Amino acid sequence: MRRPRWRPIPAEGLMLLAALLAAPASAQTAGEGLSPTLANIKATHTVRIGYRESSPPFSFLDHSNRPIGYSLELCDAIVEEIGIEVDDANLKVDYVKVTSDDRIQAVVENKIDLECGSTTANAERGKLVAFAPLMFVAGTKLMVAKASGVTQIADLKGKTIVVTKGTTNEQAINNVNAKRQLGSRGTSRRTSTASPATICPTIPTASCTARARSR
């Protein structure tokens, strides 16, 4: 039997989301030459890092509920550079939990200094926050049970599609749903350690046995 091939729904490159640490001269703190973010870090001796608890391998919790992951390791290096910039080698790191739904606002509302996860950089988000250089590139794919009979997007007509709330995958699915007039019912969920599924079409004859993670 020929194995069905999926065409990924295009997605932007995924990047490390960060607060704008550099600022024009007009916004610099007088006498310090630091951006407001760096000036606050210097004053409080603390860097507030936003993390997601269920986005492995980039950001997740270990068995001791300690935030770890590839993105967080990169942020450790960034914190070292920040320490040099503000002349403080003993900066404290305060980890703040964020979700796919509130991570952008956490930066905008100054609840965190930078977010270390797997956030897609796109033009819309770029109006609100700044992004670090490209980390990796990924696309959106759908996974279903082998016995579902689904081999193309059109086969999802009238089906239920589960996505992670606040992600570019949610936007992609909504766009395809409207363009193809699938009439699919979308269900948005926040990621958590108890429910890591992100994109999983629910077929009446079978439940999903494989799951894809949303960004």
N, C-alpha and C. Protein backbone atom coordinates (compact mmCIF):
# COMPACT_ATOMS: atom_id res chain seq x y z
N MET A 1 0.85 -1.20 0.00
CA MET A 1 0.00 0.00 0.00
C MET A 1 0.88 1.24 0.00
N ARG A 2 0.59 2.18 -0.88
CA ARG A 2 1.41 3.37 -0.97
C ARG A 2 1.16 4.28 0.22
N ARG A 3 2.24 4.70 0.85
CA ARG A 3 2.13 5.55 2.02
C ARG A 3 1.75 6.97 1.61
N PRO A 4 0.70 7.56 2.19
CA PRO A 4 0.28 8.91 1.80
C PRO A 4 1.34 9.93 2.12
N ARG A 5 1.47 10.94 1.26
CA ARG A 5 2.44 12.00 1.48
C ARG A 5 1.71 13.27 1.86
N TRP A 6 2.26 13.94 2.86
CA TRP A 6 1.65 15.17 3.34
C TRP A 6 2.41 16.37 2.81
N ARG A 7 1.68 17.38 2.42
CA ARG A 7 2.31 18.65 2.07
C ARG A 7 2.20 19.56 3.27
N PRO A 8 3.33 19.97 3.85
CA PRO A 8 3.27 20.83 5.03
C PRO A 8 2.65 22.18 4.73
N ILE A 9 1.89 22.70 5.66
CA ILE A 9 1.36 24.05 5.55
C ILE A 9 2.51 24.98 5.89
N PRO A 10 2.90 25.91 5.00
CA PRO A 10 4.08 26.74 5.23
C PRO A 10 4.01 27.49 6.55
N ALA A 11 5.13 27.57 7.22
CA ALA A 11 5.24 28.33 8.46
C ALA A 11 6.54 29.12 8.43
N GLU A 12 6.56 30.20 9.15
CA GLU A 12 7.76 31.01 9.22
C GLU A 12 8.84 30.28 10.01
N GLY A 13 10.09 30.72 9.84
CA GLY A 13 11.16 30.16 10.64
C GLY A 13 10.91 30.44 12.11
N LEU A 14 11.23 29.50 12.96
CA LEU A 14 11.01 29.67 14.38
C LEU A 14 12.23 30.30 15.02
N MET A 15 12.00 31.29 15.85
CA MET A 15 13.10 32.03 16.44
C MET A 15 12.92 32.21 17.92
N LEU A 16 14.00 32.59 18.56
CA LEU A 16 13.98 32.93 19.97
C LEU A 16 13.37 34.31 20.12
N LEU A 17 12.30 34.41 20.87
CA LEU A 17 11.64 35.68 21.08
C LEU A 17 12.34 36.43 22.19
N ALA A 18 12.66 37.70 21.96
CA ALA A 18 13.37 38.47 22.98
C ALA A 18 12.84 39.89 23.05
N ALA A 19 12.95 40.49 24.21
CA ALA A 19 12.64 41.90 24.35
C ALA A 19 13.71 42.70 23.63
N LEU A 20 13.38 43.91 23.22
CA LEU A 20 14.34 44.74 22.52
C LEU A 20 15.36 45.26 23.51
N LEU A 21 16.57 44.68 23.46
CA LEU A 21 17.60 45.06 24.41
C LEU A 21 18.40 46.28 23.97
N ALA A 22 18.37 46.58 22.68
CA ALA A 22 19.06 47.76 22.19
C ALA A 22 18.02 48.83 21.89
N ALA A 23 18.41 50.08 22.03
CA ALA A 23 17.47 51.17 21.81
C ALA A 23 18.20 52.33 21.16
N PRO A 24 17.47 53.18 20.40
CA PRO A 24 18.10 54.34 19.80
C PRO A 24 18.57 55.32 20.87
N ALA A 25 19.44 56.24 20.47
CA ALA A 25 20.04 57.15 21.44
C ALA A 25 18.99 57.93 22.21
N SER A 26 17.87 58.26 21.55
CA SER A 26 16.82 59.03 22.22
C SER A 26 16.17 58.28 23.35
N ALA A 27 16.27 56.94 23.33
CA ALA A 27 15.62 56.13 24.36
C ALA A 27 16.60 55.63 25.40
N GLN A 28 17.87 55.93 25.25
CA GLN A 28 18.86 55.42 26.16
C GLN A 28 18.78 56.12 27.50
N THR A 29 19.13 55.39 28.54
CA THR A 29 19.14 55.95 29.88
C THR A 29 20.28 56.95 29.99
N ALA A 30 19.99 58.10 30.48
CA ALA A 30 20.99 59.17 30.57
C ALA A 30 22.20 58.71 31.37
N GLY A 31 23.39 58.90 30.79
CA GLY A 31 24.63 58.59 31.48
C GLY A 31 25.03 57.14 31.43
N GLU A 32 24.12 56.27 31.09
CA GLU A 32 24.42 54.84 31.11
C GLU A 32 24.63 54.27 29.72
N GLY A 33 23.95 54.82 28.73
CA GLY A 33 24.03 54.27 27.39
C GLY A 33 23.35 52.93 27.28
N LEU A 34 22.39 52.66 28.16
CA LEU A 34 21.68 51.37 28.18
C LEU A 34 20.23 51.56 27.76
N SER A 35 19.67 50.53 27.15
CA SER A 35 18.25 50.55 26.84
C SER A 35 17.47 50.46 28.14
N PRO A 36 16.17 50.79 28.14
CA PRO A 36 15.36 50.66 29.36
C PRO A 36 15.39 49.25 29.94
N THR A 37 15.39 48.24 29.07
CA THR A 37 15.42 46.86 29.54
C THR A 37 16.72 46.57 30.28
N LEU A 38 17.83 46.94 29.68
CA LEU A 38 19.12 46.70 30.32
C LEU A 38 19.29 47.54 31.58
N ALA A 39 18.76 48.76 31.55
CA ALA A 39 18.86 49.62 32.73
C ALA A 39 18.10 49.01 33.91
N ASN A 40 16.94 48.41 33.61
CA ASN A 40 16.17 47.77 34.68
C ASN A 40 16.88 46.53 35.21
N ILE A 41 17.49 45.76 34.30
CA ILE A 41 18.26 44.58 34.72
C ILE A 41 19.43 45.00 35.61
N LYS A 42 20.09 46.08 35.23
CA LYS A 42 21.22 46.58 36.02
C LYS A 42 20.77 47.01 37.41
N ALA A 43 19.59 47.66 37.47
CA ALA A 43 19.08 48.17 38.75
C ALA A 43 18.59 47.06 39.67
N THR A 44 18.00 46.02 39.07
CA THR A 44 17.42 44.94 39.89
C THR A 44 18.35 43.74 40.04
N HIS A 45 19.43 43.72 39.26
CA HIS A 45 20.38 42.60 39.25
C HIS A 45 19.69 41.28 38.87
N THR A 46 18.63 41.39 38.09
CA THR A 46 17.81 40.22 37.75
C THR A 46 17.40 40.24 36.29
N VAL A 47 17.47 39.06 35.64
CA VAL A 47 16.95 38.88 34.29
C VAL A 47 15.73 37.97 34.37
N ARG A 48 14.61 38.45 33.87
CA ARG A 48 13.37 37.67 33.91
C ARG A 48 13.20 36.93 32.59
N ILE A 49 13.28 35.61 32.65
CA ILE A 49 13.21 34.78 31.45
C ILE A 49 11.87 34.05 31.40
N GLY A 50 11.14 34.25 30.32
CA GLY A 50 9.90 33.53 30.13
C GLY A 50 10.17 32.17 29.52
N TYR A 51 9.51 31.14 30.02
CA TYR A 51 9.71 29.78 29.52
C TYR A 51 8.36 29.09 29.39
N ARG A 52 8.31 28.11 28.48
CA ARG A 52 7.12 27.27 28.35
C ARG A 52 7.42 25.92 28.96
N GLU A 53 6.48 25.38 29.70
CA GLU A 53 6.74 24.16 30.46
C GLU A 53 6.57 22.88 29.65
N SER A 54 6.08 22.99 28.42
CA SER A 54 5.85 21.77 27.64
C SER A 54 6.12 21.99 26.16
N SER A 55 7.31 22.47 25.85
CA SER A 55 7.70 22.67 24.46
C SER A 55 9.08 22.06 24.20
N PRO A 56 9.22 20.74 24.50
CA PRO A 56 10.52 20.10 24.28
C PRO A 56 10.84 20.00 22.79
N PRO A 57 12.10 20.03 22.42
CA PRO A 57 13.28 20.08 23.30
C PRO A 57 13.74 21.49 23.62
N PHE A 58 12.92 22.48 23.30
CA PHE A 58 13.34 23.87 23.45
C PHE A 58 13.14 24.42 24.85
N SER A 59 12.00 24.16 25.44
CA SER A 59 11.69 24.67 26.77
C SER A 59 10.69 23.75 27.45
N PHE A 60 11.11 23.16 28.56
CA PHE A 60 10.23 22.24 29.29
C PHE A 60 10.77 22.06 30.71
N LEU A 61 10.07 21.30 31.52
CA LEU A 61 10.47 21.07 32.90
C LEU A 61 11.09 19.69 33.06
N ASP A 62 12.17 19.61 33.86
CA ASP A 62 12.76 18.31 34.13
C ASP A 62 12.02 17.65 35.28
N HIS A 63 12.52 16.52 35.76
CA HIS A 63 11.83 15.78 36.82
C HIS A 63 11.77 16.55 38.13
N SER A 64 12.61 17.57 38.25
CA SER A 64 12.61 18.40 39.46
C SER A 64 11.84 19.70 39.24
N ASN A 65 11.07 19.76 38.13
CA ASN A 65 10.31 20.94 37.77
C ASN A 65 11.20 22.16 37.54
N ARG A 66 12.40 21.92 37.06
CA ARG A 66 13.33 22.99 36.73
C ARG A 66 13.28 23.25 35.23
N PRO A 67 13.13 24.51 34.81
CA PRO A 67 13.09 24.81 33.37
C PRO A 67 14.41 24.45 32.69
N ILE A 68 14.34 23.66 31.62
CA ILE A 68 15.52 23.28 30.86
C ILE A 68 15.17 23.29 29.37
N GLY A 69 16.15 23.08 28.53
CA GLY A 69 15.91 22.98 27.10
C GLY A 69 16.93 23.74 26.28
N TYR A 70 16.92 23.48 24.99
CA TYR A 70 17.88 24.08 24.06
C TYR A 70 17.80 25.61 24.08
N SER A 71 16.59 26.14 24.03
CA SER A 71 16.42 27.60 24.03
C SER A 71 16.91 28.22 25.33
N LEU A 72 16.66 27.54 26.43
CA LEU A 72 17.09 28.06 27.72
C LEU A 72 18.61 28.04 27.84
N GLU A 73 19.25 27.07 27.21
CA GLU A 73 20.71 27.05 27.22
C GLU A 73 21.26 28.23 26.42
N LEU A 74 20.60 28.56 25.31
CA LEU A 74 21.00 29.73 24.54
C LEU A 74 20.81 31.00 25.38
N CYS A 75 19.74 31.03 26.13
CA CYS A 75 19.48 32.21 26.96
C CYS A 75 20.49 32.33 28.09
N ASP A 76 21.03 31.22 28.55
CA ASP A 76 22.09 31.28 29.56
C ASP A 76 23.29 32.05 29.01
N ALA A 77 23.59 31.80 27.74
CA ALA A 77 24.70 32.51 27.10
C ALA A 77 24.36 34.00 26.94
N ILE A 78 23.09 34.28 26.64
CA ILE A 78 22.65 35.67 26.50
C ILE A 78 22.76 36.40 27.84
N VAL A 79 22.39 35.71 28.91
CA VAL A 79 22.49 36.30 30.25
C VAL A 79 23.94 36.65 30.58
N GLU A 80 24.86 35.80 30.18
CA GLU A 80 26.28 36.08 30.41
C GLU A 80 26.69 37.35 29.68
N GLU A 81 26.21 37.52 28.45
CA GLU A 81 26.54 38.71 27.68
C GLU A 81 25.88 39.95 28.29
N ILE A 82 24.66 39.78 28.79
CA ILE A 82 23.99 40.89 29.46
C ILE A 82 24.79 41.31 30.69
N GLY A 83 25.31 40.32 31.42
CA GLY A 83 26.12 40.61 32.60
C GLY A 83 27.32 41.46 32.27
N ILE A 84 27.94 41.17 31.13
CA ILE A 84 29.09 41.98 30.68
C ILE A 84 28.63 43.39 30.35
N GLU A 85 27.49 43.48 29.66
CA GLU A 85 26.99 44.79 29.22
C GLU A 85 26.64 45.69 30.41
N VAL A 86 26.07 45.11 31.47
CA VAL A 86 25.65 45.91 32.63
C VAL A 86 26.67 45.85 33.76
N ASP A 87 27.81 45.20 33.49
CA ASP A 87 28.90 45.11 34.46
C ASP A 87 28.45 44.43 35.76
N ASP A 88 27.80 43.28 35.60
CA ASP A 88 27.32 42.51 36.76
C ASP A 88 27.46 41.03 36.43
N ALA A 89 28.47 40.38 36.98
CA ALA A 89 28.73 38.97 36.67
C ALA A 89 27.87 38.03 37.49
N ASN A 90 27.08 38.56 38.40
CA ASN A 90 26.28 37.71 39.29
C ASN A 90 24.79 38.00 39.16
N LEU A 91 24.33 38.14 37.94
CA LEU A 91 22.91 38.40 37.71
C LEU A 91 22.07 37.21 38.15
N LYS A 92 20.95 37.50 38.76
CA LYS A 92 20.00 36.47 39.15
C LYS A 92 19.05 36.22 37.98
N VAL A 93 18.67 34.97 37.76
CA VAL A 93 17.71 34.64 36.71
C VAL A 93 16.38 34.26 37.37
N ASP A 94 15.35 34.98 37.00
CA ASP A 94 14.00 34.71 37.51
C ASP A 94 13.19 34.09 36.39
N TYR A 95 12.83 32.80 36.52
CA TYR A 95 12.07 32.10 35.48
C TYR A 95 10.58 32.36 35.67
N VAL A 96 9.93 32.81 34.59
CA VAL A 96 8.51 33.13 34.62
C VAL A 96 7.79 32.27 33.59
N LYS A 97 6.82 31.50 34.03
CA LYS A 97 6.09 30.62 33.11
C LYS A 97 5.18 31.42 32.19
N VAL A 98 5.24 31.11 30.90
CA VAL A 98 4.34 31.73 29.92
C VAL A 98 3.70 30.62 29.11
N THR A 99 2.65 30.95 28.39
CA THR A 99 1.98 29.98 27.53
C THR A 99 2.05 30.47 26.08
N SER A 100 1.64 29.63 25.16
CA SER A 100 1.62 30.04 23.75
C SER A 100 0.67 31.20 23.53
N ASP A 101 -0.28 31.37 24.44
CA ASP A 101 -1.31 32.39 24.28
C ASP A 101 -0.88 33.75 24.84
N ASP A 102 -0.02 33.76 25.87
CA ASP A 102 0.30 35.04 26.53
C ASP A 102 1.78 35.44 26.44
N ARG A 103 2.62 34.67 25.74
CA ARG A 103 4.05 34.94 25.70
C ARG A 103 4.40 36.29 25.07
N ILE A 104 3.70 36.67 23.99
CA ILE A 104 3.97 37.95 23.34
C ILE A 104 3.63 39.10 24.27
N GLN A 105 2.46 39.04 24.88
CA GLN A 105 2.03 40.10 25.78
C GLN A 105 2.92 40.19 27.00
N ALA A 106 3.48 39.07 27.43
CA ALA A 106 4.38 39.10 28.59
C ALA A 106 5.58 39.98 28.32
N VAL A 107 6.07 39.95 27.07
CA VAL A 107 7.19 40.81 26.69
C VAL A 107 6.71 42.25 26.56
N VAL A 108 5.61 42.45 25.86
CA VAL A 108 5.08 43.79 25.62
C VAL A 108 4.76 44.51 26.93
N GLU A 109 4.19 43.78 27.88
CA GLU A 109 3.78 44.38 29.16
C GLU A 109 4.89 44.37 30.19
N ASN A 110 6.12 44.04 29.77
CA ASN A 110 7.29 44.09 30.62
C ASN A 110 7.20 43.15 31.83
N LYS A 111 6.53 42.02 31.63
CA LYS A 111 6.49 41.01 32.68
C LYS A 111 7.73 40.13 32.63
N ILE A 112 8.35 40.06 31.45
CA ILE A 112 9.59 39.32 31.26
C ILE A 112 10.52 40.14 30.38
N ASP A 113 11.82 39.86 30.47
CA ASP A 113 12.79 40.56 29.65
C ASP A 113 13.01 39.86 28.32
N LEU A 114 12.92 38.54 28.30
CA LEU A 114 13.00 37.77 27.06
C LEU A 114 12.32 36.43 27.25
N GLU A 115 11.84 35.87 26.14
CA GLU A 115 11.17 34.57 26.17
C GLU A 115 12.04 33.56 25.45
N CYS A 116 12.28 32.45 26.09
CA CYS A 116 13.17 31.42 25.53
C CYS A 116 12.34 30.18 25.23
N GLY A 117 11.93 30.03 23.99
CA GLY A 117 11.08 28.90 23.64
C GLY A 117 11.21 28.55 22.17
N SER A 118 10.07 28.45 21.50
CA SER A 118 10.06 28.08 20.07
C SER A 118 9.01 28.92 19.36
N THR A 119 9.16 30.23 19.49
CA THR A 119 8.17 31.15 18.96
C THR A 119 8.46 31.53 17.51
N THR A 120 7.46 31.42 16.65
CA THR A 120 7.62 31.77 15.25
C THR A 120 7.73 33.29 15.09
N ALA A 121 8.71 33.71 14.31
CA ALA A 121 8.86 35.13 14.00
C ALA A 121 8.09 35.45 12.73
N ASN A 122 7.16 36.38 12.81
CA ASN A 122 6.45 36.82 11.61
C ASN A 122 6.25 38.33 11.67
N ALA A 123 5.76 38.90 10.58
CA ALA A 123 5.64 40.36 10.47
C ALA A 123 4.68 40.92 11.52
N GLU A 124 3.60 40.21 11.78
CA GLU A 124 2.62 40.71 12.74
C GLU A 124 3.22 40.80 14.13
N ARG A 125 3.90 39.76 14.56
CA ARG A 125 4.53 39.77 15.88
C ARG A 125 5.70 40.75 15.92
N GLY A 126 6.37 40.93 14.76
CA GLY A 126 7.50 41.83 14.69
C GLY A 126 7.13 43.28 14.94
N LYS A 127 5.86 43.62 14.85
CA LYS A 127 5.41 44.97 15.17
C LYS A 127 5.40 45.22 16.67
N LEU A 128 5.41 44.14 17.43
CA LEU A 128 5.30 44.26 18.89
C LEU A 128 6.59 43.94 19.62
N VAL A 129 7.35 42.99 19.10
CA VAL A 129 8.56 42.52 19.79
C VAL A 129 9.70 42.36 18.79
N ALA A 130 10.89 42.17 19.33
CA ALA A 130 12.07 41.92 18.48
C ALA A 130 12.47 40.46 18.62
N PHE A 131 13.09 39.91 17.58
CA PHE A 131 13.49 38.52 17.58
C PHE A 131 15.00 38.37 17.45
N ALA A 132 15.54 37.36 18.09
CA ALA A 132 16.94 36.99 17.94
C ALA A 132 17.12 36.29 16.59
N PRO A 133 18.37 36.01 16.17
CA PRO A 133 18.59 35.33 14.90
C PRO A 133 17.92 33.96 14.83
N LEU A 134 17.74 33.49 13.60
CA LEU A 134 17.07 32.22 13.33
C LEU A 134 17.70 31.04 14.08
N MET A 135 16.88 30.24 14.73
CA MET A 135 17.34 29.04 15.43
C MET A 135 17.14 27.79 14.57
N PHE A 136 15.95 27.65 14.00
CA PHE A 136 15.63 26.51 13.16
C PHE A 136 14.38 26.84 12.34
N VAL A 137 14.11 26.04 11.34
CA VAL A 137 12.93 26.25 10.49
C VAL A 137 12.06 25.00 10.54
N ALA A 138 10.77 25.19 10.64
CA ALA A 138 9.85 24.05 10.72
C ALA A 138 8.57 24.39 9.97
N GLY A 139 7.76 23.40 9.70
CA GLY A 139 6.47 23.60 9.05
C GLY A 139 5.38 22.89 9.82
N THR A 140 4.14 23.22 9.51
CA THR A 140 2.99 22.61 10.15
C THR A 140 2.58 21.34 9.41
N LYS A 141 2.43 20.25 10.12
CA LYS A 141 1.93 19.00 9.54
C LYS A 141 0.80 18.46 10.41
N LEU A 142 -0.06 17.68 9.78
CA LEU A 142 -1.17 17.06 10.49
C LEU A 142 -0.91 15.57 10.62
N MET A 143 -1.23 15.02 11.79
CA MET A 143 -1.07 13.58 12.00
C MET A 143 -2.41 12.96 12.37
N VAL A 144 -2.69 11.81 11.78
CA VAL A 144 -3.95 11.10 12.02
C VAL A 144 -3.67 9.62 12.22
N ALA A 145 -4.67 8.92 12.66
CA ALA A 145 -4.54 7.48 12.81
C ALA A 145 -4.37 6.83 11.44
N LYS A 146 -3.58 5.77 11.35
CA LYS A 146 -3.31 5.11 10.07
C LYS A 146 -4.59 4.62 9.41
N ALA A 147 -5.56 4.21 10.22
CA ALA A 147 -6.80 3.65 9.66
C ALA A 147 -7.85 4.71 9.35
N SER A 148 -7.49 5.98 9.48
CA SER A 148 -8.49 7.05 9.32
C SER A 148 -8.93 7.24 7.87
N GLY A 149 -8.07 6.89 6.91
CA GLY A 149 -8.40 7.11 5.51
C GLY A 149 -8.10 8.52 5.04
N VAL A 150 -7.55 9.35 5.90
CA VAL A 150 -7.21 10.72 5.55
C VAL A 150 -5.84 10.75 4.87
N THR A 151 -5.80 11.22 3.62
CA THR A 151 -4.53 11.30 2.90
C THR A 151 -4.25 12.69 2.35
N GLN A 152 -5.23 13.60 2.45
CA GLN A 152 -5.04 14.96 1.97
C GLN A 152 -5.94 15.90 2.76
N ILE A 153 -5.68 17.20 2.62
CA ILE A 153 -6.42 18.20 3.37
C ILE A 153 -7.93 18.08 3.16
N ALA A 154 -8.33 17.81 1.94
CA ALA A 154 -9.76 17.73 1.63
C ALA A 154 -10.47 16.66 2.44
N ASP A 155 -9.74 15.62 2.86
CA ASP A 155 -10.34 14.54 3.63
C ASP A 155 -10.73 14.96 5.04
N LEU A 156 -10.28 16.15 5.44
CA LEU A 156 -10.60 16.65 6.79
C LEU A 156 -11.93 17.40 6.83
N LYS A 157 -12.62 17.44 5.71
CA LYS A 157 -13.90 18.16 5.64
C LYS A 157 -14.87 17.65 6.69
N GLY A 158 -15.33 18.55 7.54
CA GLY A 158 -16.28 18.19 8.59
C GLY A 158 -15.67 17.56 9.81
N LYS A 159 -14.34 17.39 9.84
CA LYS A 159 -13.68 16.76 10.98
C LYS A 159 -13.32 17.80 12.04
N THR A 160 -12.91 17.31 13.19
CA THR A 160 -12.47 18.17 14.28
C THR A 160 -10.95 18.24 14.28
N ILE A 161 -10.40 19.44 14.33
CA ILE A 161 -8.95 19.64 14.34
C ILE A 161 -8.57 20.37 15.62
N VAL A 162 -7.65 19.78 16.36
CA VAL A 162 -7.21 20.36 17.63
C VAL A 162 -5.86 21.03 17.45
N VAL A 163 -5.76 22.30 17.86
CA VAL A 163 -4.51 23.05 17.76
C VAL A 163 -4.20 23.73 19.08
N THR A 164 -2.98 24.20 19.22
CA THR A 164 -2.59 24.94 20.41
C THR A 164 -2.98 26.40 20.25
N LYS A 165 -3.64 26.94 21.24
CA LYS A 165 -4.14 28.31 21.21
C LYS A 165 -2.97 29.31 21.14
N GLY A 166 -3.13 30.31 20.29
CA GLY A 166 -2.15 31.38 20.21
C GLY A 166 -0.94 31.08 19.35
N THR A 167 -0.99 30.03 18.53
CA THR A 167 0.16 29.67 17.70
C THR A 167 -0.09 30.01 16.24
N THR A 168 1.00 30.04 15.46
CA THR A 168 0.87 30.26 14.02
C THR A 168 0.22 29.06 13.35
N ASN A 169 0.33 27.89 13.95
CA ASN A 169 -0.36 26.71 13.42
C ASN A 169 -1.87 26.88 13.48
N GLU A 170 -2.34 27.51 14.55
CA GLU A 170 -3.77 27.78 14.67
C GLU A 170 -4.21 28.70 13.53
N GLN A 171 -3.42 29.72 13.24
CA GLN A 171 -3.73 30.63 12.15
C GLN A 171 -3.72 29.90 10.81
N ALA A 172 -2.72 29.03 10.62
CA ALA A 172 -2.60 28.29 9.36
C ALA A 172 -3.81 27.40 9.13
N ILE A 173 -4.23 26.69 10.17
CA ILE A 173 -5.39 25.80 10.04
C ILE A 173 -6.65 26.60 9.75
N ASN A 174 -6.83 27.72 10.44
CA ASN A 174 -8.01 28.55 10.20
C ASN A 174 -8.03 29.08 8.77
N ASN A 175 -6.86 29.46 8.27
CA ASN A 175 -6.79 29.97 6.89
C ASN A 175 -7.14 28.89 5.87
N VAL A 176 -6.59 27.68 6.07
CA VAL A 176 -6.87 26.57 5.16
C VAL A 176 -8.35 26.19 5.24
N ASN A 177 -8.88 26.18 6.45
CA ASN A 177 -10.28 25.83 6.66
C ASN A 177 -11.20 26.78 5.89
N ALA A 178 -10.87 28.08 5.94
CA ALA A 178 -11.69 29.08 5.25
C ALA A 178 -11.48 29.00 3.74
N LYS A 179 -10.25 28.83 3.30
CA LYS A 179 -9.94 28.81 1.86
C LYS A 179 -10.54 27.59 1.17
N ARG A 180 -10.44 26.44 1.82
CA ARG A 180 -10.93 25.20 1.22
C ARG A 180 -12.39 24.93 1.54
N GLN A 181 -12.96 25.78 2.43
CA GLN A 181 -14.35 25.60 2.86
C GLN A 181 -14.58 24.17 3.37
N LEU A 182 -13.73 23.78 4.28
CA LEU A 182 -13.80 22.42 4.82
C LEU A 182 -14.94 22.25 5.80
N GLY A 183 -15.30 23.34 6.46
CA GLY A 183 -16.34 23.21 7.48
C GLY A 183 -15.85 22.45 8.69
N SER A 184 -14.52 22.41 8.86
CA SER A 184 -13.96 21.70 10.01
C SER A 184 -14.17 22.51 11.28
N ARG A 185 -14.32 21.80 12.38
CA ARG A 185 -14.50 22.46 13.67
C ARG A 185 -13.15 22.50 14.38
N GLY A 186 -12.68 23.72 14.67
CA GLY A 186 -11.38 23.86 15.32
C GLY A 186 -11.53 23.97 16.83
N THR A 187 -10.67 23.28 17.54
CA THR A 187 -10.65 23.36 19.00
C THR A 187 -9.26 23.81 19.44
N SER A 188 -9.20 24.93 20.17
CA SER A 188 -7.91 25.45 20.63
C SER A 188 -7.66 25.04 22.07
N ARG A 189 -6.43 24.63 22.33
CA ARG A 189 -6.05 24.25 23.69
C ARG A 189 -4.72 24.88 24.04
N ARG A 190 -4.56 25.20 25.31
CA ARG A 190 -3.26 25.64 25.78
C ARG A 190 -2.41 24.41 26.07
N THR A 191 -1.12 24.51 25.81
CA THR A 191 -0.25 23.37 26.10
C THR A 191 -0.04 23.26 27.60
N SER A 192 0.13 22.03 28.06
CA SER A 192 0.44 21.77 29.46
C SER A 192 1.13 20.42 29.53
N THR A 193 1.72 20.13 30.67
CA THR A 193 2.41 18.86 30.81
C THR A 193 1.42 17.70 30.76
N ALA A 194 0.17 17.98 31.10
CA ALA A 194 -0.83 16.91 31.12
C ALA A 194 -1.44 16.68 29.74
N SER A 195 -1.34 17.70 28.88
CA SER A 195 -1.94 17.59 27.56
C SER A 195 -1.01 18.16 26.50
N PRO A 196 0.00 17.37 26.09
CA PRO A 196 0.97 17.88 25.13
C PRO A 196 0.52 17.85 23.67
N ALA A 197 -0.63 17.25 23.39
CA ALA A 197 -1.10 17.18 22.01
C ALA A 197 -1.38 18.57 21.48
N THR A 198 -1.03 18.81 20.23
CA THR A 198 -1.25 20.13 19.68
C THR A 198 -2.03 20.13 18.38
N ILE A 199 -1.67 19.31 17.43
CA ILE A 199 -2.43 19.23 16.19
C ILE A 199 -2.80 17.78 15.96
N CYS A 200 -4.07 17.48 16.07
CA CYS A 200 -4.45 16.09 16.02
C CYS A 200 -5.89 15.97 15.52
N PRO A 201 -6.12 15.79 14.24
CA PRO A 201 -7.48 15.63 13.73
C PRO A 201 -8.16 14.42 14.39
N THR A 202 -9.36 14.62 14.89
CA THR A 202 -10.09 13.55 15.54
C THR A 202 -11.03 12.88 14.54
N ILE A 203 -10.75 11.63 14.19
CA ILE A 203 -11.53 10.90 13.22
C ILE A 203 -12.56 10.03 13.95
N PRO A 204 -13.84 10.01 13.53
CA PRO A 204 -14.88 9.27 14.24
C PRO A 204 -14.55 7.79 14.43
N THR A 205 -13.82 7.18 13.49
CA THR A 205 -13.58 5.75 13.58
C THR A 205 -12.36 5.38 14.41
N ALA A 206 -11.53 6.36 14.71
CA ALA A 206 -10.32 6.06 15.47
C ALA A 206 -9.75 7.33 16.07
N SER A 207 -9.07 7.17 17.18
CA SER A 207 -8.41 8.32 17.80
C SER A 207 -6.99 8.42 17.27
N CYS A 208 -6.37 9.58 17.44
CA CYS A 208 -5.02 9.76 16.96
C CYS A 208 -4.03 8.95 17.79
N THR A 209 -3.09 8.36 17.12
CA THR A 209 -2.04 7.60 17.81
C THR A 209 -0.71 8.33 17.75
N ALA A 210 -0.63 9.34 16.90
CA ALA A 210 0.59 10.15 16.81
C ALA A 210 0.21 11.61 16.87
N ARG A 211 1.08 12.41 17.44
CA ARG A 211 0.75 13.80 17.64
C ARG A 211 1.89 14.70 17.18
N ALA A 212 1.54 15.89 16.73
CA ALA A 212 2.55 16.85 16.29
C ALA A 212 2.49 18.04 17.23
N ARG A 213 3.64 18.65 17.47
CA ARG A 213 3.69 19.78 18.39
C ARG A 213 3.61 21.08 17.65
N SER A 214 2.79 22.01 18.19
CA SER A 214 2.58 23.29 17.56
C SER A 214 3.51 24.34 18.16
N ARG A 215 3.81 25.36 17.38
CA ARG A 215 4.69 26.42 17.81
C ARG A 215 3.96 27.74 18.01
